[in-house]
């Protein structure tokens, strides 16, 4: 599912018109229509605003996950983060 379909789905889920949502987001109704029909891609700021408005993740908005509320795995230490980046143990100096 593309970002436009997700925007339309969320808007319809909350029984909002394009006009209502565009006013809440501070964009034109025409821009929202272009996004929903995948004729234009929203900017990072716009997609973030939409995700925040509907309380969903950006990953969900751009289609990287089907779970709208995916929580990013938290790493407890910098060492764990380093191990995920360089699992072989070879350090780049």
PDB file of N, CA and C in Angstrom:
ATOM      1  N   UNK A   1       0.849  -1.175   0.000  1.00  0.00           N
ATOM      2  CA  UNK A   1       0.000   0.000   0.000  1.00  0.00           C
ATOM      3  C   UNK A   1       0.896   1.240   0.000  1.00  0.00           C
ATOM      4  N   UNK A   2       0.631   2.167  -0.888  1.00  0.00           N
ATOM      5  CA  UNK A   2       1.418   3.392  -0.986  1.00  0.00           C
ATOM      6  C   UNK A   2       0.977   4.412   0.060  1.00  0.00           C
ATOM      7  N   UNK A   3       1.838   5.404   0.283  1.00  0.00           N
ATOM      8  CA  UNK A   3       1.575   6.420   1.305  1.00  0.00           C
ATOM      9  C   UNK A   3       0.235   7.115   1.082  1.00  0.00           C
ATOM     10  N   UNK A   4      -0.127   7.379  -0.167  1.00  0.00           N
ATOM     11  CA  UNK A   4      -1.389   8.064  -0.444  1.00  0.00           C
ATOM     12  C   UNK A   4      -2.589   7.266   0.006  1.00  0.00           C
ATOM     13  N   UNK A   5      -2.531   5.962  -0.226  1.00  0.00           N
ATOM     14  CA  UNK A   5      -3.629   5.098   0.207  1.00  0.00           C
ATOM     15  C   UNK A   5      -3.731   5.080   1.726  1.00  0.00           C
ATOM     16  N   UNK A   6      -2.586   5.109   2.395  1.00  0.00           N
ATOM     17  CA  UNK A   6      -2.593   5.116   3.866  1.00  0.00           C
ATOM     18  C   UNK A   6      -3.167   6.423   4.402  1.00  0.00           C
ATOM     19  N   UNK A   7      -2.800   7.531   3.766  1.00  0.00           N
ATOM     20  CA  UNK A   7      -3.344   8.821   4.205  1.00  0.00           C
ATOM     21  C   UNK A   7      -4.860   8.819   4.057  1.00  0.00           C
ATOM     22  N   UNK A   8      -5.352   8.385   2.905  1.00  0.00           N
ATOM     23  CA  UNK A   8      -6.800   8.350   2.670  1.00  0.00           C
ATOM     24  C   UNK A   8      -7.486   7.398   3.644  1.00  0.00           C
ATOM     25  N   UNK A   9      -6.879   6.239   3.890  1.00  0.00           N
ATOM     26  CA  UNK A   9      -7.453   5.264   4.816  1.00  0.00           C
ATOM     27  C   UNK A   9      -7.576   5.842   6.222  1.00  0.00           C
ATOM     28  N   UNK A  10      -6.524   6.495   6.691  1.00  0.00           N
ATOM     29  CA  UNK A  10      -6.563   7.098   8.028  1.00  0.00           C
ATOM     30  C   UNK A  10      -7.588   8.224   8.087  1.00  0.00           C
ATOM     31  N   UNK A  11      -7.618   9.051   7.066  1.00  0.00           N
ATOM     32  CA  UNK A  11      -8.574  10.159   7.042  1.00  0.00           C
ATOM     33  C   UNK A  11     -10.008   9.635   7.087  1.00  0.00           C
ATOM     34  N   UNK A  12     -10.272   8.610   6.294  1.00  0.00           N
ATOM     35  CA  UNK A  12     -11.617   8.031   6.260  1.00  0.00           C
ATOM     36  C   UNK A  12     -11.955   7.307   7.559  1.00  0.00           C
ATOM     37  N   UNK A  13     -10.968   6.669   8.156  1.00  0.00           N
ATOM     38  CA  UNK A  13     -11.178   5.976   9.437  1.00  0.00           C
ATOM     39  C   UNK A  13     -11.705   6.947  10.493  1.00  0.00           C
ATOM     40  N   UNK A  14     -11.223   8.184  10.437  1.00  0.00           N
ATOM     41  CA  UNK A  14     -11.642   9.197  11.406  1.00  0.00           C
ATOM     42  C   UNK A  14     -12.743  10.102  10.856  1.00  0.00           C
ATOM     43  N   UNK A  15     -13.372   9.666   9.769  1.00  0.00           N
ATOM     44  CA  UNK A  15     -14.508  10.372   9.170  1.00  0.00           C
ATOM     45  C   UNK A  15     -14.220  11.848   8.912  1.00  0.00           C
ATOM     46  N   UNK A  16     -13.050  12.094   8.340  1.00  0.00           N
ATOM     47  CA  UNK A  16     -12.666  13.465   8.027  1.00  0.00           C
ATOM     48  C   UNK A  16     -12.720  13.682   6.524  1.00  0.00           C
ATOM     49  N   UNK A  17     -13.072  14.894   6.141  1.00  0.00           N
ATOM     50  CA  UNK A  17     -12.998  15.258   4.730  1.00  0.00           C
ATOM     51  C   UNK A  17     -11.566  15.710   4.427  1.00  0.00           C
ATOM     52  N   UNK A  18     -11.249  15.798   3.147  1.00  0.00           N
ATOM     53  CA  UNK A  18      -9.940  16.329   2.769  1.00  0.00           C
ATOM     54  C   UNK A  18      -9.792  17.762   3.271  1.00  0.00           C
ATOM     55  N   UNK A  19     -10.850  18.514   3.190  1.00  0.00           N
ATOM     56  CA  UNK A  19     -10.815  19.908   3.649  1.00  0.00           C
ATOM     57  C   UNK A  19     -10.485  19.983   5.140  1.00  0.00           C
ATOM     58  N   UNK A  20     -11.141  19.151   5.944  1.00  0.00           N
ATOM     59  CA  UNK A  20     -10.895  19.158   7.388  1.00  0.00           C
ATOM     60  C   UNK A  20      -9.458  18.782   7.719  1.00  0.00           C
ATOM     61  N   UNK A  21      -8.969  17.718   7.090  1.00  0.00           N
ATOM     62  CA  UNK A  21      -7.606  17.274   7.377  1.00  0.00           C
ATOM     63  C   UNK A  21      -6.583  18.291   6.889  1.00  0.00           C
ATOM     64  N   UNK A  22      -6.795  18.829   5.713  1.00  0.00           N
ATOM     65  CA  UNK A  22      -5.832  19.804   5.187  1.00  0.00           C
ATOM     66  C   UNK A  22      -5.743  21.034   6.095  1.00  0.00           C
ATOM     67  N   UNK A  23      -6.866  21.476   6.647  1.00  0.00           N
ATOM     68  CA  UNK A  23      -6.849  22.610   7.581  1.00  0.00           C
ATOM     69  C   UNK A  23      -6.071  22.269   8.843  1.00  0.00           C
ATOM     70  N   UNK A  24      -6.262  21.060   9.355  1.00  0.00           N
ATOM     71  CA  UNK A  24      -5.536  20.626  10.561  1.00  0.00           C
ATOM     72  C   UNK A  24      -4.031  20.556  10.317  1.00  0.00           C
ATOM     73  N   UNK A  25      -3.645  20.168   9.090  1.00  0.00           N
ATOM     74  CA  UNK A  25      -2.235  19.997   8.762  1.00  0.00           C
ATOM     75  C   UNK A  25      -1.577  21.274   8.248  1.00  0.00           C
ATOM     76  N   UNK A  26      -2.395  22.275   7.906  1.00  0.00           N
ATOM     77  CA  UNK A  26      -1.851  23.525   7.382  1.00  0.00           C
ATOM     78  C   UNK A  26      -1.380  23.418   5.945  1.00  0.00           C
ATOM     79  N   UNK A  27      -2.061  22.557   5.171  1.00  0.00           N
ATOM     80  CA  UNK A  27      -1.754  22.412   3.745  1.00  0.00           C
ATOM     81  C   UNK A  27      -3.041  22.641   2.957  1.00  0.00           C
ATOM     82  N   UNK A  28      -2.920  22.767   1.656  1.00  0.00           N
ATOM     83  CA  UNK A  28      -4.131  22.970   0.851  1.00  0.00           C
ATOM     84  C   UNK A  28      -4.835  21.631   0.620  1.00  0.00           C
ATOM     85  N   UNK A  29      -6.129  21.730   0.365  1.00  0.00           N
ATOM     86  CA  UNK A  29      -6.895  20.531   0.051  1.00  0.00           C
ATOM     87  C   UNK A  29      -6.368  19.899  -1.236  1.00  0.00           C
ATOM     88  N   UNK A  30      -5.962  20.732  -2.184  1.00  0.00           N
ATOM     89  CA  UNK A  30      -5.433  20.225  -3.448  1.00  0.00           C
ATOM     90  C   UNK A  30      -4.151  19.419  -3.209  1.00  0.00           C
ATOM     91  N   UNK A  31      -3.274  19.910  -2.335  1.00  0.00           N
ATOM     92  CA  UNK A  31      -2.046  19.165  -2.021  1.00  0.00           C
ATOM     93  C   UNK A  31      -2.389  17.817  -1.410  1.00  0.00           C
ATOM     94  N   UNK A  32      -3.320  17.813  -0.469  1.00  0.00           N
ATOM     95  CA  UNK A  32      -3.718  16.555   0.160  1.00  0.00           C
ATOM     96  C   UNK A  32      -4.279  15.590  -0.877  1.00  0.00           C
ATOM     97  N   UNK A  33      -5.074  16.084  -1.787  1.00  0.00           N
ATOM     98  CA  UNK A  33      -5.624  15.249  -2.849  1.00  0.00           C
ATOM     99  C   UNK A  33      -4.505  14.647  -3.697  1.00  0.00           C
ATOM    100  N   UNK A  34      -3.507  15.457  -4.026  1.00  0.00           N
ATOM    101  CA  UNK A  34      -2.360  14.955  -4.806  1.00  0.00           C
ATOM    102  C   UNK A  34      -1.630  13.851  -4.035  1.00  0.00           C
ATOM    103  N   UNK A  35      -1.460  14.029  -2.732  1.00  0.00           N
ATOM    104  CA  UNK A  35      -0.785  13.000  -1.919  1.00  0.00           C
ATOM    105  C   UNK A  35      -1.603  11.714  -1.905  1.00  0.00           C
ATOM    106  N   UNK A  36      -2.907  11.852  -1.657  1.00  0.00           N
ATOM    107  CA  UNK A  36      -3.765  10.671  -1.556  1.00  0.00           C
ATOM    108  C   UNK A  36      -3.837   9.901  -2.873  1.00  0.00           C
ATOM    109  N   UNK A  37      -3.697  10.596  -3.975  1.00  0.00           N
ATOM    110  CA  UNK A  37      -3.749   9.949  -5.290  1.00  0.00           C
ATOM    111  C   UNK A  37      -2.371   9.610  -5.841  1.00  0.00           C
ATOM    112  N   UNK A  38      -1.359   9.746  -4.993  1.00  0.00           N
ATOM    113  CA  UNK A  38       0.031   9.420  -5.347  1.00  0.00           C
ATOM    114  C   UNK A  38       0.531  10.181  -6.569  1.00  0.00           C
ATOM    115  N   UNK A  39       0.015  11.388  -6.752  1.00  0.00           N
ATOM    116  CA  UNK A  39       0.505  12.239  -7.841  1.00  0.00           C
ATOM    117  C   UNK A  39       1.692  13.081  -7.392  1.00  0.00           C
ATOM    118  N   UNK A  40       1.802  13.286  -6.079  1.00  0.00           N
ATOM    119  CA  UNK A  40       2.926  14.011  -5.490  1.00  0.00           C
ATOM    120  C   UNK A  40       3.303  13.338  -4.184  1.00  0.00           C
ATOM    121  N   UNK A  41       4.580  13.432  -3.832  1.00  0.00           N
ATOM    122  CA  UNK A  41       5.040  12.896  -2.557  1.00  0.00           C
ATOM    123  C   UNK A  41       5.085  14.015  -1.528  1.00  0.00           C
ATOM    124  N   UNK A  42       4.549  13.753  -0.348  1.00  0.00           N
ATOM    125  CA  UNK A  42       4.626  14.776   0.697  1.00  0.00           C
ATOM    126  C   UNK A  42       6.068  14.943   1.165  1.00  0.00           C
ATOM    127  N   UNK A  43       6.395  16.141   1.622  1.00  0.00           N
ATOM    128  CA  UNK A  43       7.728  16.395   2.172  1.00  0.00           C
ATOM    129  C   UNK A  43       7.887  15.628   3.479  1.00  0.00           C
ATOM    130  N   UNK A  44       9.111  15.551   3.943  1.00  0.00           N
ATOM    131  CA  UNK A  44       9.370  14.892   5.235  1.00  0.00           C
ATOM    132  C   UNK A  44       8.545  15.551   6.335  1.00  0.00           C
ATOM    133  N   UNK A  45       8.513  16.880   6.351  1.00  0.00           N
ATOM    134  CA  UNK A  45       7.752  17.584   7.392  1.00  0.00           C
ATOM    135  C   UNK A  45       6.270  17.271   7.311  1.00  0.00           C
ATOM    136  N   UNK A  46       5.742  17.179   6.105  1.00  0.00           N
ATOM    137  CA  UNK A  46       4.317  16.885   5.940  1.00  0.00           C
ATOM    138  C   UNK A  46       4.002  15.456   6.367  1.00  0.00           C
ATOM    139  N   UNK A  47       4.819  14.493   5.963  1.00  0.00           N
ATOM    140  CA  UNK A  47       4.548  13.101   6.337  1.00  0.00           C
ATOM    141  C   UNK A  47       4.684  12.933   7.849  1.00  0.00           C
ATOM    142  N   UNK A  48       5.619  13.680   8.447  1.00  0.00           N
ATOM    143  CA  UNK A  48       5.767  13.653   9.907  1.00  0.00           C
ATOM    144  C   UNK A  48       4.534  14.239  10.571  1.00  0.00           C
ATOM    145  N   UNK A  49       4.027  15.336  10.040  1.00  0.00           N
ATOM    146  CA  UNK A  49       2.813  15.960  10.594  1.00  0.00           C
ATOM    147  C   UNK A  49       1.618  15.018  10.508  1.00  0.00           C
ATOM    148  N   UNK A  50       1.494  14.335   9.391  1.00  0.00           N
ATOM    149  CA  UNK A  50       0.380  13.393   9.219  1.00  0.00           C
ATOM    150  C   UNK A  50       0.519  12.235  10.205  1.00  0.00           C
ATOM    151  N   UNK A  51       1.729  11.688  10.313  1.00  0.00           N
ATOM    152  CA  UNK A  51       1.970  10.579  11.251  1.00  0.00           C
ATOM    153  C   UNK A  51       1.677  11.018  12.682  1.00  0.00           C
ATOM    154  N   UNK A  52       2.121  12.203  13.049  1.00  0.00           N
ATOM    155  CA  UNK A  52       1.862  12.710  14.404  1.00  0.00           C
ATOM    156  C   UNK A  52       0.372  12.944  14.633  1.00  0.00           C
ATOM    157  N   UNK A  53      -0.299  13.497  13.639  1.00  0.00           N
ATOM    158  CA  UNK A  53      -1.730  13.786  13.774  1.00  0.00           C
ATOM    159  C   UNK A  53      -2.521  12.506  14.040  1.00  0.00           C
ATOM    160  N   UNK A  54      -2.197  11.440  13.302  1.00  0.00           N
ATOM    161  CA  UNK A  54      -2.931  10.180  13.452  1.00  0.00           C
ATOM    162  C   UNK A  54      -2.282   9.225  14.462  1.00  0.00           C
ATOM    163  N   UNK A  55      -1.182   9.673  15.070  1.00  0.00           N
ATOM    164  CA  UNK A  55      -0.473   8.874  16.067  1.00  0.00           C
ATOM    165  C   UNK A  55      -0.039   7.516  15.512  1.00  0.00           C
ATOM    166  N   UNK A  56       0.590   7.563  14.336  1.00  0.00           N
ATOM    167  CA  UNK A  56       1.140   6.357  13.707  1.00  0.00           C
ATOM    168  C   UNK A  56       2.612   6.613  13.406  1.00  0.00           C
ATOM    169  N   UNK A  57       3.339   5.550  13.122  1.00  0.00           N
ATOM    170  CA  UNK A  57       4.763   5.709  12.827  1.00  0.00           C
ATOM    171  C   UNK A  57       4.982   6.162  11.384  1.00  0.00           C
ATOM    172  N   UNK A  58       6.107   6.802  11.161  1.00  0.00           N
ATOM    173  CA  UNK A  58       6.480   7.191   9.798  1.00  0.00           C
ATOM    174  C   UNK A  58       6.711   5.931   8.965  1.00  0.00           C
ATOM    175  N   UNK A  59       7.275   4.888   9.575  1.00  0.00           N
ATOM    176  CA  UNK A  59       7.464   3.622   8.850  1.00  0.00           C
ATOM    177  C   UNK A  59       6.134   3.103   8.310  1.00  0.00           C
ATOM    178  N   UNK A  60       5.084   3.225   9.088  1.00  0.00           N
ATOM    179  CA  UNK A  60       3.764   2.815   8.621  1.00  0.00           C
ATOM    180  C   UNK A  60       3.320   3.700   7.453  1.00  0.00           C
ATOM    181  N   UNK A  61       3.521   4.999   7.590  1.00  0.00           N
ATOM    182  CA  UNK A  61       3.082   5.931   6.550  1.00  0.00           C
ATOM    183  C   UNK A  61       3.756   5.647   5.209  1.00  0.00           C
ATOM    184  N   UNK A  62       5.037   5.286   5.241  1.00  0.00           N
ATOM    185  CA  UNK A  62       5.744   5.079   3.975  1.00  0.00           C
ATOM    186  C   UNK A  62       5.745   3.627   3.523  1.00  0.00           C
ATOM    187  N   UNK A  63       5.038   2.768   4.255  1.00  0.00           N
ATOM    188  CA  UNK A  63       4.858   1.390   3.815  1.00  0.00           C
ATOM    189  C   UNK A  63       5.940   0.412   4.228  1.00  0.00           C
ATOM    190  N   UNK A  64       6.783   0.782   5.174  1.00  0.00           N
ATOM    191  CA  UNK A  64       7.835  -0.138   5.623  1.00  0.00           C
ATOM    192  C   UNK A  64       7.308  -1.181   6.591  1.00  0.00           C
ATOM    193  N   UNK A  65       6.134  -0.937   7.159  1.00  0.00           N
ATOM    194  CA  UNK A  65       5.509  -1.889   8.078  1.00  0.00           C
ATOM    195  C   UNK A  65       3.996  -1.776   7.956  1.00  0.00           C
ATOM    196  N   UNK A  66       3.332  -2.861   8.291  1.00  0.00           N
ATOM    197  CA  UNK A  66       1.868  -2.848   8.320  1.00  0.00           C
ATOM    198  C   UNK A  66       1.346  -2.476   9.702  1.00  0.00           C
ATOM    199  N   UNK A  67       2.244  -2.437  10.679  1.00  0.00           N
ATOM    200  CA  UNK A  67       1.867  -2.112  12.049  1.00  0.00           C
ATOM    201  C   UNK A  67       1.976  -0.607  12.253  1.00  0.00           C
ATOM    202  N   UNK A  68       0.862   0.075  12.423  1.00  0.00           N
ATOM    203  CA  UNK A  68       0.922   1.529  12.547  1.00  0.00           C
ATOM    204  C   UNK A  68       1.630   2.013  13.813  1.00  0.00           C
ATOM    205  N   UNK A  69       1.715   1.174  14.821  1.00  0.00           N
ATOM    206  CA  UNK A  69       2.290   1.593  16.099  1.00  0.00           C
ATOM    207  C   UNK A  69       3.552   0.832  16.439  1.00  0.00           C
ATOM    208  N   UNK A  70       4.314   0.500  15.428  1.00  0.00           N
ATOM    209  CA  UNK A  70       5.550  -0.251  15.645  1.00  0.00           C
ATOM    210  C   UNK A  70       6.494   0.550  16.535  1.00  0.00           C
ATOM    211  N   UNK A  71       7.003  -0.114  17.554  1.00  0.00           N
ATOM    212  CA  UNK A  71       7.940   0.517  18.474  1.00  0.00           C
ATOM    213  C   UNK A  71       9.334   0.059  18.097  1.00  0.00           C
ATOM    214  N   UNK A  72      10.216   1.009  17.922  1.00  0.00           N
ATOM    215  CA  UNK A  72      11.590   0.690  17.563  1.00  0.00           C
ATOM    216  C   UNK A  72      12.261  -0.013  18.732  1.00  0.00           C
ATOM    217  N   UNK A  73      12.970  -1.087  18.395  1.00  0.00           N
ATOM    218  CA  UNK A  73      13.695  -1.840  19.409  1.00  0.00           C
ATOM    219  C   UNK A  73      14.678  -0.915  20.108  1.00  0.00           C
ATOM    220  N   UNK A  74      14.657  -0.939  21.429  1.00  0.00           N
ATOM    221  CA  UNK A  74      15.571  -0.098  22.182  1.00  0.00           C
ATOM    222  C   UNK A  74      16.807  -0.892  22.577  1.00  0.00           C
ATOM    223  N   UNK A  75      17.954  -0.285  22.389  1.00  0.00           N
ATOM    224  CA  UNK A  75      19.204  -0.907  22.791  1.00  0.00           C
ATOM    225  C   UNK A  75      19.636  -0.276  24.103  1.00  0.00           C
ATOM    226  N   UNK A  76      20.118  -1.100  25.019  1.00  0.00           N
ATOM    227  CA  UNK A  76      20.417  -0.608  26.351  1.00  0.00           C
ATOM    228  C   UNK A  76      21.774   0.067  26.465  1.00  0.00           C
ATOM    229  N   UNK A  77      22.717  -0.278  25.645  1.00  0.00           N
ATOM    230  CA  UNK A  77      24.040   0.315  25.763  1.00  0.00           C
ATOM    231  C   UNK A  77      24.598   0.664  24.395  1.00  0.00           C
ATOM    232  N   UNK A  78      25.583   1.537  24.403  1.00  0.00           N
ATOM    233  CA  UNK A  78      26.264   1.882  23.155  1.00  0.00           C
ATOM    234  C   UNK A  78      26.964   0.656  22.588  1.00  0.00           C
ATOM    235  N   UNK A  79      27.436  -0.239  23.467  1.00  0.00           N
ATOM    236  CA  UNK A  79      28.104  -1.458  23.020  1.00  0.00           C
ATOM    237  C   UNK A  79      27.142  -2.331  22.204  1.00  0.00           C
ATOM    238  N   UNK A  80      25.898  -2.465  22.646  1.00  0.00           N
ATOM    239  CA  UNK A  80      24.915  -3.238  21.893  1.00  0.00           C
ATOM    240  C   UNK A  80      24.696  -2.619  20.516  1.00  0.00           C
ATOM    241  N   UNK A  81      24.641  -1.303  20.459  1.00  0.00           N
ATOM    242  CA  UNK A  81      24.464  -0.607  19.184  1.00  0.00           C
ATOM    243  C   UNK A  81      25.653  -0.894  18.273  1.00  0.00           C
ATOM    244  N   UNK A  82      26.835  -0.792  18.829  1.00  0.00           N
ATOM    245  CA  UNK A  82      28.051  -1.042  18.060  1.00  0.00           C
ATOM    246  C   UNK A  82      28.081  -2.470  17.535  1.00  0.00           C
ATOM    247  N   UNK A  83      27.653  -3.411  18.339  1.00  0.00           N
ATOM    248  CA  UNK A  83      27.630  -4.815  17.921  1.00  0.00           C
ATOM    249  C   UNK A  83      26.632  -5.035  16.789  1.00  0.00           C
ATOM    250  N   UNK A  84      25.530  -4.310  16.789  1.00  0.00           N
ATOM    251  CA  UNK A  84      24.561  -4.456  15.709  1.00  0.00           C
ATOM    252  C   UNK A  84      25.112  -3.911  14.400  1.00  0.00           C
ATOM    253  N   UNK A  85      25.922  -2.860  14.480  1.00  0.00           N
ATOM    254  CA  UNK A  85      26.502  -2.275  13.280  1.00  0.00           C
ATOM    255  C   UNK A  85      27.642  -3.132  12.753  1.00  0.00           C
ATOM    256  N   UNK A  86      28.497  -3.599  13.652  1.00  0.00           N
ATOM    257  CA  UNK A  86      29.673  -4.371  13.278  1.00  0.00           C
ATOM    258  C   UNK A  86      29.686  -5.694  14.036  1.00  0.00           C
ATOM    259  N   UNK A  87      28.802  -6.636  13.655  1.00  0.00           N
ATOM    260  CA  UNK A  87      28.684  -7.880  14.409  1.00  0.00           C
ATOM    261  C   UNK A  87      29.923  -8.764  14.363  1.00  0.00           C
ATOM    262  N   UNK A  88      30.818  -8.551  13.428  1.00  0.00           N
ATOM    263  CA  UNK A  88      32.008  -9.400  13.349  1.00  0.00           C
ATOM    264  C   UNK A  88      33.001  -9.068  14.436  1.00  0.00           C
ATOM    265  N   UNK A  89      32.825  -7.953  15.096  1.00  0.00           N
ATOM    266  CA  UNK A  89      33.765  -7.562  16.138  1.00  0.00           C
ATOM    267  C   UNK A  89      34.925  -6.762  15.592  1.00  0.00           C
ATOM    268  N   UNK A  90      35.023  -6.636  14.274  1.00  0.00           N
ATOM    269  CA  UNK A  90      36.087  -5.849  13.672  1.00  0.00           C
ATOM    270  C   UNK A  90      35.742  -4.378  13.831  1.00  0.00           C
ATOM    271  N   UNK A  91      36.580  -3.667  14.523  1.00  0.00           N
ATOM    272  CA  UNK A  91      36.343  -2.256  14.779  1.00  0.00           C
ATOM    273  C   UNK A  91      36.987  -1.423  13.680  1.00  0.00           C
ATOM    274  N   UNK A  92      36.299  -0.421  13.273  1.00  0.00           N
ATOM    275  CA  UNK A  92      36.839   0.532  12.319  1.00  0.00           C
ATOM    276  C   UNK A  92      37.477   1.645  13.129  1.00  0.00           C
ATOM    277  N   UNK A  93      38.749   1.899  12.881  1.00  0.00           N
ATOM    278  CA  UNK A  93      39.456   2.930  13.666  1.00  0.00           C
ATOM    279  C   UNK A  93      39.761   4.116  12.796  1.00  0.00           C
TER     280      UNK A  93
END
